[in-house]
């Protein structure tokens, strides 16, 4: 555990309060390890990541934007083709994130700002499309299920109506048969009475 720092020491290294590290960890879903007692402990890599996050915050990035740059708790690295220029050996990050003093922040060139904004917009659009595709699939699935449910109900109603009509027709048929049989029986009885009366 010699290479690891507790939260108070890590916070001093990053020059923020301990609660800030906890907040960033929760919001950005950072994979911070814990010991047997459940206490957080930080590696040099964790501290370096927090310093870069702090640098991005100082440059005006919101946590939502930083979250898009982070992949599995690590800073996203674009390939040379995606970056559109030769990779800088110093960082290799998808946007140039380096420790800068306030004077150099204000001197950031329009080109750098434009690149950073363009990359963030691409990430935002990608995330939005991903969310919208998921939402669209859900909506289609729901509408298909509703339509199928409606069609099944309509079919059941049609079958019930058909069965009811058949039942009513059968009932009508049996009533007529019953009436006919009664009439024939009555005639038969009348004929029998006449025959007995004449004999």
C-alpha atoms as a PDB file:
ATOM      1  CA  UNK A   1       0.000   0.000   0.000  1.00  0.00           C
ATOM      2  CA  UNK A   2       3.071   2.318  -0.118  1.00  0.00           C
ATOM      3  CA  UNK A   3       2.245   3.508  -3.665  1.00  0.00           C
ATOM      4  CA  UNK A   4      -1.337   4.387  -2.735  1.00  0.00           C
ATOM      5  CA  UNK A   5      -2.735   7.617  -1.297  1.00  0.00           C
ATOM      6  CA  UNK A   6      -5.743   8.095   0.975  1.00  0.00           C
ATOM      7  CA  UNK A   7      -8.366  10.613  -0.083  1.00  0.00           C
ATOM      8  CA  UNK A   8      -6.978  13.473   2.025  1.00  0.00           C
ATOM      9  CA  UNK A   9      -3.489  13.080   0.514  1.00  0.00           C
ATOM     10  CA  UNK A  10      -4.866  12.682  -3.024  1.00  0.00           C
ATOM     11  CA  UNK A  11      -6.972  15.836  -2.540  1.00  0.00           C
ATOM     12  CA  UNK A  12      -3.827  17.761  -1.485  1.00  0.00           C
ATOM     13  CA  UNK A  13      -1.993  16.503  -4.597  1.00  0.00           C
ATOM     14  CA  UNK A  14      -4.863  17.661  -6.872  1.00  0.00           C
ATOM     15  CA  UNK A  15      -5.312  20.869  -4.804  1.00  0.00           C
ATOM     16  CA  UNK A  16      -9.038  20.385  -4.158  1.00  0.00           C
ATOM     17  CA  UNK A  17     -11.184  19.386  -1.180  1.00  0.00           C
ATOM     18  CA  UNK A  18     -11.800  15.672  -0.484  1.00  0.00           C
ATOM     19  CA  UNK A  19     -15.537  16.021  -1.160  1.00  0.00           C
ATOM     20  CA  UNK A  20     -14.704  17.282  -4.697  1.00  0.00           C
ATOM     21  CA  UNK A  21     -12.852  14.031  -5.476  1.00  0.00           C
ATOM     22  CA  UNK A  22     -15.819  12.015  -4.142  1.00  0.00           C
ATOM     23  CA  UNK A  23     -18.240  14.101  -6.226  1.00  0.00           C
ATOM     24  CA  UNK A  24     -16.195  13.697  -9.419  1.00  0.00           C
ATOM     25  CA  UNK A  25     -15.850   9.967  -8.758  1.00  0.00           C
ATOM     26  CA  UNK A  26     -19.655   9.574  -8.445  1.00  0.00           C
ATOM     27  CA  UNK A  27     -20.596  11.854 -11.334  1.00  0.00           C
ATOM     28  CA  UNK A  28     -17.992  10.502 -13.785  1.00  0.00           C
ATOM     29  CA  UNK A  29     -18.243   6.850 -12.632  1.00  0.00           C
ATOM     30  CA  UNK A  30     -14.494   6.636 -11.983  1.00  0.00           C
ATOM     31  CA  UNK A  31     -13.154   3.196 -10.968  1.00  0.00           C
ATOM     32  CA  UNK A  32     -11.540   4.119  -7.629  1.00  0.00           C
ATOM     33  CA  UNK A  33     -10.354   1.130  -5.571  1.00  0.00           C
ATOM     34  CA  UNK A  34     -11.213   0.566  -1.925  1.00  0.00           C
ATOM     35  CA  UNK A  35      -9.429  -1.354   0.817  1.00  0.00           C
ATOM     36  CA  UNK A  36     -10.874  -4.059   3.105  1.00  0.00           C
ATOM     37  CA  UNK A  37     -12.384  -1.373   5.364  1.00  0.00           C
ATOM     38  CA  UNK A  38     -14.094   0.302   2.416  1.00  0.00           C
ATOM     39  CA  UNK A  39     -11.794   3.359   2.377  1.00  0.00           C
ATOM     40  CA  UNK A  40     -10.845   4.817  -0.992  1.00  0.00           C
ATOM     41  CA  UNK A  41      -7.230   4.665  -2.046  1.00  0.00           C
ATOM     42  CA  UNK A  42      -5.696   6.364  -5.052  1.00  0.00           C
ATOM     43  CA  UNK A  43      -2.925   5.413  -7.461  1.00  0.00           C
ATOM     44  CA  UNK A  44      -0.640   7.858  -9.285  1.00  0.00           C
ATOM     45  CA  UNK A  45      -2.789   7.250 -12.369  1.00  0.00           C
ATOM     46  CA  UNK A  46      -5.933   8.262 -10.419  1.00  0.00           C
ATOM     47  CA  UNK A  47      -4.273  11.467  -9.193  1.00  0.00           C
ATOM     48  CA  UNK A  48      -3.075  12.306 -12.735  1.00  0.00           C
ATOM     49  CA  UNK A  49      -6.620  11.718 -14.046  1.00  0.00           C
ATOM     50  CA  UNK A  50      -8.066  14.034 -11.361  1.00  0.00           C
ATOM     51  CA  UNK A  51      -5.517  16.712 -12.264  1.00  0.00           C
ATOM     52  CA  UNK A  52      -6.590  16.519 -15.908  1.00  0.00           C
ATOM     53  CA  UNK A  53     -10.261  16.701 -14.885  1.00  0.00           C
ATOM     54  CA  UNK A  54      -9.451  19.747 -12.766  1.00  0.00           C
ATOM     55  CA  UNK A  55      -7.664  21.273 -15.780  1.00  0.00           C
ATOM     56  CA  UNK A  56     -10.732  20.696 -17.958  1.00  0.00           C
ATOM     57  CA  UNK A  57     -12.988  22.230 -15.285  1.00  0.00           C
ATOM     58  CA  UNK A  58     -10.720  25.287 -15.132  1.00  0.00           C
ATOM     59  CA  UNK A  59     -11.019  25.615 -18.913  1.00  0.00           C
ATOM     60  CA  UNK A  60     -14.798  25.827 -18.562  1.00  0.00           C
ATOM     61  CA  UNK A  61     -15.867  22.265 -19.369  1.00  0.00           C
ATOM     62  CA  UNK A  62     -18.916  20.948 -17.542  1.00  0.00           C
ATOM     63  CA  UNK A  63     -18.905  17.461 -15.988  1.00  0.00           C
ATOM     64  CA  UNK A  64     -21.343  16.262 -18.699  1.00  0.00           C
ATOM     65  CA  UNK A  65     -18.797  17.158 -21.387  1.00  0.00           C
ATOM     66  CA  UNK A  66     -15.936  15.626 -19.379  1.00  0.00           C
ATOM     67  CA  UNK A  67     -18.009  12.451 -18.994  1.00  0.00           C
ATOM     68  CA  UNK A  68     -18.140  12.160 -22.803  1.00  0.00           C
ATOM     69  CA  UNK A  69     -14.356  12.495 -22.987  1.00  0.00           C
ATOM     70  CA  UNK A  70     -13.901   9.772 -20.372  1.00  0.00           C
ATOM     71  CA  UNK A  71     -14.270   6.170 -21.492  1.00  0.00           C
ATOM     72  CA  UNK A  72     -14.379   3.559 -18.711  1.00  0.00           C
ATOM     73  CA  UNK A  73     -12.937   6.165 -16.340  1.00  0.00           C
ATOM     74  CA  UNK A  74     -10.002   6.887 -18.693  1.00  0.00           C
ATOM     75  CA  UNK A  75      -9.493   9.904 -20.899  1.00  0.00           C
ATOM     76  CA  UNK A  76     -10.637   9.127 -24.447  1.00  0.00           C
ATOM     77  CA  UNK A  77      -7.837   8.945 -26.992  1.00  0.00           C
ATOM     78  CA  UNK A  78      -8.603   9.575 -30.662  1.00  0.00           C
ATOM     79  CA  UNK A  79      -6.627   7.905 -33.410  1.00  0.00           C
ATOM     80  CA  UNK A  80      -4.427   9.986 -35.717  1.00  0.00           C
ATOM     81  CA  UNK A  81      -7.106   9.936 -38.421  1.00  0.00           C
ATOM     82  CA  UNK A  82      -9.826  11.090 -36.031  1.00  0.00           C
ATOM     83  CA  UNK A  83      -7.580  13.760 -34.576  1.00  0.00           C
ATOM     84  CA  UNK A  84      -6.817  15.046 -38.075  1.00  0.00           C
ATOM     85  CA  UNK A  85      -3.179  15.767 -37.261  1.00  0.00           C
ATOM     86  CA  UNK A  86      -0.032  14.075 -36.053  1.00  0.00           C
ATOM     87  CA  UNK A  87      -0.538  12.879 -32.473  1.00  0.00           C
ATOM     88  CA  UNK A  88       1.255  14.943 -29.859  1.00  0.00           C
ATOM     89  CA  UNK A  89       3.593  12.576 -27.993  1.00  0.00           C
ATOM     90  CA  UNK A  90       3.069  14.569 -24.811  1.00  0.00           C
ATOM     91  CA  UNK A  91      -0.671  13.930 -24.417  1.00  0.00           C
ATOM     92  CA  UNK A  92      -2.309  11.935 -27.219  1.00  0.00           C
ATOM     93  CA  UNK A  93      -5.684  13.048 -25.873  1.00  0.00           C
ATOM     94  CA  UNK A  94      -8.726  13.665 -28.008  1.00  0.00           C
ATOM     95  CA  UNK A  95      -8.543  17.301 -27.009  1.00  0.00           C
ATOM     96  CA  UNK A  96      -5.412  19.022 -25.855  1.00  0.00           C
ATOM     97  CA  UNK A  97      -5.659  18.998 -22.058  1.00  0.00           C
ATOM     98  CA  UNK A  98      -2.587  20.268 -20.286  1.00  0.00           C
ATOM     99  CA  UNK A  99      -1.936  22.073 -17.060  1.00  0.00           C
ATOM    100  CA  UNK A 100      -2.067  25.781 -17.939  1.00  0.00           C
ATOM    101  CA  UNK A 101      -1.825  28.949 -15.995  1.00  0.00           C
ATOM    102  CA  UNK A 102      -4.714  31.481 -16.231  1.00  0.00           C
ATOM    103  CA  UNK A 103      -2.588  33.680 -18.575  1.00  0.00           C
ATOM    104  CA  UNK A 104      -2.141  30.885 -21.125  1.00  0.00           C
ATOM    105  CA  UNK A 105      -5.821  29.914 -20.864  1.00  0.00           C
ATOM    106  CA  UNK A 106      -6.847  33.361 -22.113  1.00  0.00           C
ATOM    107  CA  UNK A 107      -4.280  33.097 -24.908  1.00  0.00           C
ATOM    108  CA  UNK A 108      -5.840  29.879 -26.252  1.00  0.00           C
ATOM    109  CA  UNK A 109      -6.019  30.255 -30.012  1.00  0.00           C
ATOM    110  CA  UNK A 110      -9.270  30.347 -31.947  1.00  0.00           C
ATOM    111  CA  UNK A 111      -8.173  27.197 -33.762  1.00  0.00           C
ATOM    112  CA  UNK A 112      -7.740  25.302 -30.470  1.00  0.00           C
ATOM    113  CA  UNK A 113     -11.126  26.536 -29.213  1.00  0.00           C
ATOM    114  CA  UNK A 114     -12.715  25.597 -32.519  1.00  0.00           C
ATOM    115  CA  UNK A 115     -11.178  22.095 -32.434  1.00  0.00           C
ATOM    116  CA  UNK A 116     -12.257  21.546 -28.844  1.00  0.00           C
ATOM    117  CA  UNK A 117     -15.800  22.757 -29.557  1.00  0.00           C
ATOM    118  CA  UNK A 118     -16.037  20.675 -32.728  1.00  0.00           C
ATOM    119  CA  UNK A 119     -14.921  17.523 -30.908  1.00  0.00           C
ATOM    120  CA  UNK A 120     -17.357  18.123 -28.045  1.00  0.00           C
ATOM    121  CA  UNK A 121     -20.213  18.719 -30.512  1.00  0.00           C
ATOM    122  CA  UNK A 122     -19.374  15.470 -32.313  1.00  0.00           C
ATOM    123  CA  UNK A 123     -19.442  13.600 -29.003  1.00  0.00           C
ATOM    124  CA  UNK A 124     -22.703  15.278 -28.019  1.00  0.00           C
ATOM    125  CA  UNK A 125     -24.303  14.432 -31.375  1.00  0.00           C
ATOM    126  CA  UNK A 126     -23.053  10.833 -31.132  1.00  0.00           C
ATOM    127  CA  UNK A 127     -24.491  10.467 -27.614  1.00  0.00           C
ATOM    128  CA  UNK A 128     -27.777  12.115 -28.646  1.00  0.00           C
ATOM    129  CA  UNK A 129     -28.131   9.817 -31.665  1.00  0.00           C
ATOM    130  CA  UNK A 130     -27.409   6.802 -29.478  1.00  0.00           C
ATOM    131  CA  UNK A 131     -30.072   7.893 -26.970  1.00  0.00           C
ATOM    132  CA  UNK A 132     -32.569   8.786 -29.718  1.00  0.00           C
ATOM    133  CA  UNK A 133     -32.010   5.468 -31.517  1.00  0.00           C
ATOM    134  CA  UNK A 134     -32.733   3.623 -28.290  1.00  0.00           C
ATOM    135  CA  UNK A 135     -35.804   5.766 -27.680  1.00  0.00           C
ATOM    136  CA  UNK A 136     -36.998   5.307 -31.278  1.00  0.00           C
ATOM    137  CA  UNK A 137     -36.599   1.505 -31.007  1.00  0.00           C
ATOM    138  CA  UNK A 138     -38.587   1.546 -27.760  1.00  0.00           C
ATOM    139  CA  UNK A 139     -41.334   3.643 -29.360  1.00  0.00           C
ATOM    140  CA  UNK A 140     -41.519   1.355 -32.408  1.00  0.00           C
ATOM    141  CA  UNK A 141     -41.607  -1.721 -30.184  1.00  0.00           C
ATOM    142  CA  UNK A 142     -44.362  -0.193 -28.041  1.00  0.00           C
ATOM    143  CA  UNK A 143     -46.443   0.817 -31.076  1.00  0.00           C
ATOM    144  CA  UNK A 144     -46.019  -2.647 -32.661  1.00  0.00           C
ATOM    145  CA  UNK A 145     -47.063  -4.317 -29.397  1.00  0.00           C
ATOM    146  CA  UNK A 146     -50.067  -1.962 -29.101  1.00  0.00           C
ATOM    147  CA  UNK A 147     -51.046  -2.618 -32.714  1.00  0.00           C
ATOM    148  CA  UNK A 148     -50.750  -6.393 -32.259  1.00  0.00           C
ATOM    149  CA  UNK A 149     -52.775  -6.186 -29.051  1.00  0.00           C
ATOM    150  CA  UNK A 150     -55.434  -4.142 -30.863  1.00  0.00           C
ATOM    151  CA  UNK A 151     -55.528  -6.604 -33.791  1.00  0.00           C
ATOM    152  CA  UNK A 152     -55.878  -9.587 -31.422  1.00  0.00           C
ATOM    153  CA  UNK A 153     -58.695  -7.844 -29.532  1.00  0.00           C
ATOM    154  CA  UNK A 154     -60.464  -7.022 -32.793  1.00  0.00           C
ATOM    155  CA  UNK A 155     -60.104 -10.635 -33.942  1.00  0.00           C
ATOM    156  CA  UNK A 156     -61.471 -11.889 -30.606  1.00  0.00           C
ATOM    157  CA  UNK A 157     -64.416  -9.480 -30.888  1.00  0.00           C
ATOM    158  CA  UNK A 158     -65.105 -10.648 -34.463  1.00  0.00           C
ATOM    159  CA  UNK A 159     -64.942 -14.295 -33.361  1.00  0.00           C
ATOM    160  CA  UNK A 160     -67.246 -13.580 -30.401  1.00  0.00           C
ATOM    161  CA  UNK A 161     -69.759 -11.837 -32.702  1.00  0.00           C
ATOM    162  CA  UNK A 162     -69.575 -14.716 -35.182  1.00  0.00           C
ATOM    163  CA  UNK A 163     -70.065 -17.288 -32.396  1.00  0.00           C
ATOM    164  CA  UNK A 164     -72.983 -15.265 -31.033  1.00  0.00           C
ATOM    165  CA  UNK A 165     -74.614 -15.099 -34.485  1.00  0.00           C
ATOM    166  CA  UNK A 166     -74.162 -18.872 -34.929  1.00  0.00           C
ATOM    167  CA  UNK A 167     -75.617 -19.446 -31.458  1.00  0.00           C
ATOM    168  CA  UNK A 168     -78.592 -17.161 -32.184  1.00  0.00           C
ATOM    169  CA  UNK A 169     -79.164 -18.859 -35.562  1.00  0.00           C
ATOM    170  CA  UNK A 170     -78.998 -22.301 -33.945  1.00  0.00           C
ATOM    171  CA  UNK A 171     -81.390 -21.195 -31.223  1.00  0.00           C
ATOM    172  CA  UNK A 172     -83.798 -19.818 -33.840  1.00  0.00           C
ATOM    173  CA  UNK A 173     -83.527 -23.057 -35.810  1.00  0.00           C
ATOM    174  CA  UNK A 174     -84.250 -25.193 -32.717  1.00  0.00           C
ATOM    175  CA  UNK A 175     -87.216 -22.969 -31.791  1.00  0.00           C
ATOM    176  CA  UNK A 176     -88.699 -23.430 -35.261  1.00  0.00           C
ATOM    177  CA  UNK A 177     -88.073 -27.184 -35.107  1.00  0.00           C
ATOM    178  CA  UNK A 178     -89.666 -27.325 -31.674  1.00  0.00           C
ATOM    179  CA  UNK A 179     -92.676 -25.325 -32.913  1.00  0.00           C
ATOM    180  CA  UNK A 180     -93.004 -27.538 -35.981  1.00  0.00           C
ATOM    181  CA  UNK A 181     -92.808 -30.699 -33.863  1.00  0.00           C
ATOM    182  CA  UNK A 182     -95.463 -29.335 -31.476  1.00  0.00           C
ATOM    183  CA  UNK A 183     -97.776 -28.499 -34.410  1.00  0.00           C
ATOM    184  CA  UNK A 184     -97.279 -31.983 -35.909  1.00  0.00           C
ATOM    185  CA  UNK A 185     -97.884 -33.572 -32.515  1.00  0.00           C
ATOM    186  CA  UNK A 186    -101.037 -31.515 -32.013  1.00  0.00           C
ATOM    187  CA  UNK A 187    -102.305 -32.515 -35.490  1.00  0.00           C
ATOM    188  CA  UNK A 188    -101.435 -36.100 -34.787  1.00  0.00           C
ATOM    189  CA  UNK A 189    -103.345 -35.969 -31.465  1.00  0.00           C
ATOM    190  CA  UNK A 190    -106.339 -34.293 -33.142  1.00  0.00           C
ATOM    191  CA  UNK A 191    -106.382 -36.932 -35.876  1.00  0.00           C
ATOM    192  CA  UNK A 192    -106.206 -39.681 -33.248  1.00  0.00           C
ATOM    193  CA  UNK A 193    -109.125 -38.136 -31.350  1.00  0.00           C
ATOM    194  CA  UNK A 194    -111.183 -37.949 -34.530  1.00  0.00           C
ATOM    195  CA  UNK A 195    -110.399 -41.545 -35.377  1.00  0.00           C
ATOM    196  CA  UNK A 196    -111.333 -42.693 -31.867  1.00  0.00           C
ATOM    197  CA  UNK A 197    -114.505 -40.554 -31.949  1.00  0.00           C
ATOM    198  CA  UNK A 198    -115.663 -42.058 -35.223  1.00  0.00           C
ATOM    199  CA  UNK A 199    -115.001 -45.639 -34.284  1.00  0.00           C
END
